[in-house]
Amino acid sequence: SVLSVDKELESDESVGLGRSREYDAIVIGSGIGGLVAATQLAVKGAKVLVLEKYLIPGGSSGYYERDGFTFDVGSSVMFGFSDK
């Protein structure tokens, strides 16, 4: 079944020309799990909407730049591995 995102937007300017408000899947969060799920669904032809509350995707993954190179540091936020 197709999920519908109902908003009170009627004009083409509000939604964007050619953009549909119906999706096969809605992924909440653009961390590594959400991005992988969304891309795998999209590769198989699903119309996917990814929602993220932060300014950039990636979740708790991180990177740094040095001398013109970008280095992926993987997960930069980890918790829940101790008794405290």
Protein backbone atom coordinates (compact mmCIF):
# COMPACT_ATOMS: atom_id res chain seq x y z
CA SER A 1 0.00 0.00 0.00
CA VAL A 2 1.07 3.57 -0.61
CA LEU A 3 1.52 6.00 2.29
CA SER A 4 0.14 9.48 1.86
CA VAL A 5 1.60 12.58 3.45
CA ASP A 6 -1.39 14.84 3.95
CA LYS A 7 -0.58 18.47 4.47
CA GLU A 8 -2.76 21.43 3.87
CA LEU A 9 -0.72 22.47 0.86
CA GLU A 10 -2.70 23.00 -2.26
CA SER A 11 -0.48 25.06 -4.56
CA ASP A 12 2.24 23.61 -6.76
CA GLU A 13 4.69 26.15 -5.26
CA SER A 14 4.25 24.73 -1.76
CA VAL A 15 4.82 21.12 -2.74
CA GLY A 16 7.21 21.69 -5.63
CA LEU A 17 6.42 21.09 -9.27
CA GLY A 18 6.32 17.43 -10.16
CA ARG A 19 6.63 16.25 -6.55
CA SER A 20 4.16 13.69 -5.32
CA ARG A 21 2.90 13.45 -1.77
CA GLU A 22 2.54 9.67 -1.90
CA TYR A 23 5.35 7.34 -0.88
CA ASP A 24 5.90 3.62 -0.61
CA ALA A 25 8.06 4.15 2.50
CA ILE A 26 8.82 6.97 4.90
CA VAL A 27 12.14 6.68 6.75
CA ILE A 28 12.50 8.65 9.97
CA GLY A 29 16.12 9.62 10.57
CA SER A 30 19.03 9.83 8.18
CA GLY A 31 21.64 7.97 10.18
CA ILE A 32 23.49 5.12 8.50
CA GLY A 33 20.59 2.70 9.08
CA GLY A 34 17.99 5.07 7.67
CA LEU A 35 20.10 5.95 4.65
CA VAL A 36 20.86 2.32 3.84
CA ALA A 37 17.20 1.35 4.20
CA ALA A 38 16.10 4.26 2.01
CA THR A 39 18.64 3.60 -0.73
CA GLN A 40 17.88 -0.13 -0.84
CA LEU A 41 14.16 0.59 -1.15
CA ALA A 42 14.77 3.24 -3.82
CA VAL A 43 17.02 0.90 -5.85
CA LYS A 44 14.15 -1.55 -5.95
CA GLY A 45 11.82 1.13 -7.31
CA ALA A 46 10.09 2.38 -4.16
CA LYS A 47 9.26 6.05 -3.73
CA VAL A 48 10.96 6.94 -0.44
CA LEU A 49 10.81 10.01 1.77
CA VAL A 50 13.61 10.46 4.32
CA LEU A 51 12.91 12.85 7.20
CA GLU A 52 15.70 14.26 9.37
CA LYS A 53 15.48 16.85 12.14
CA TYR A 54 19.12 17.93 11.98
CA LEU A 55 20.67 20.18 9.31
CA ILE A 56 22.73 17.44 7.66
CA PRO A 57 22.29 13.68 7.20
CA GLY A 58 24.51 11.08 8.81
CA GLY A 59 23.22 10.60 12.34
CA SER A 60 26.07 10.04 14.78
CA SER A 61 28.63 9.44 12.04
CA GLY A 62 31.37 11.99 11.73
CA TYR A 63 34.21 13.23 9.58
CA TYR A 64 37.00 15.73 9.63
CA GLU A 65 38.96 17.57 6.98
CA ARG A 66 42.70 18.08 6.89
CA ASP A 67 44.93 19.42 4.11
CA GLY A 68 42.12 19.18 1.55
CA PHE A 69 41.24 15.57 2.39
CA THR A 70 38.09 14.35 4.12
CA PHE A 71 38.38 11.46 6.60
CA ASP A 72 35.42 9.39 7.76
CA VAL A 73 35.64 8.55 11.46
CA GLY A 74 32.58 6.30 11.52
CA SER A 75 30.33 6.53 14.51
CA SER A 76 31.36 9.42 16.73
CA VAL A 77 28.68 8.95 19.39
CA MET A 78 28.51 5.63 21.21
CA PHE A 79 26.83 4.84 24.49
CA GLY A 80 25.24 1.95 26.34
CA PHE A 81 28.32 -0.25 26.51
CA SER A 82 29.02 0.04 30.23
CA ASP A 83 27.30 -0.47 33.56
CA LYS A 84 27.30 3.29 34.32
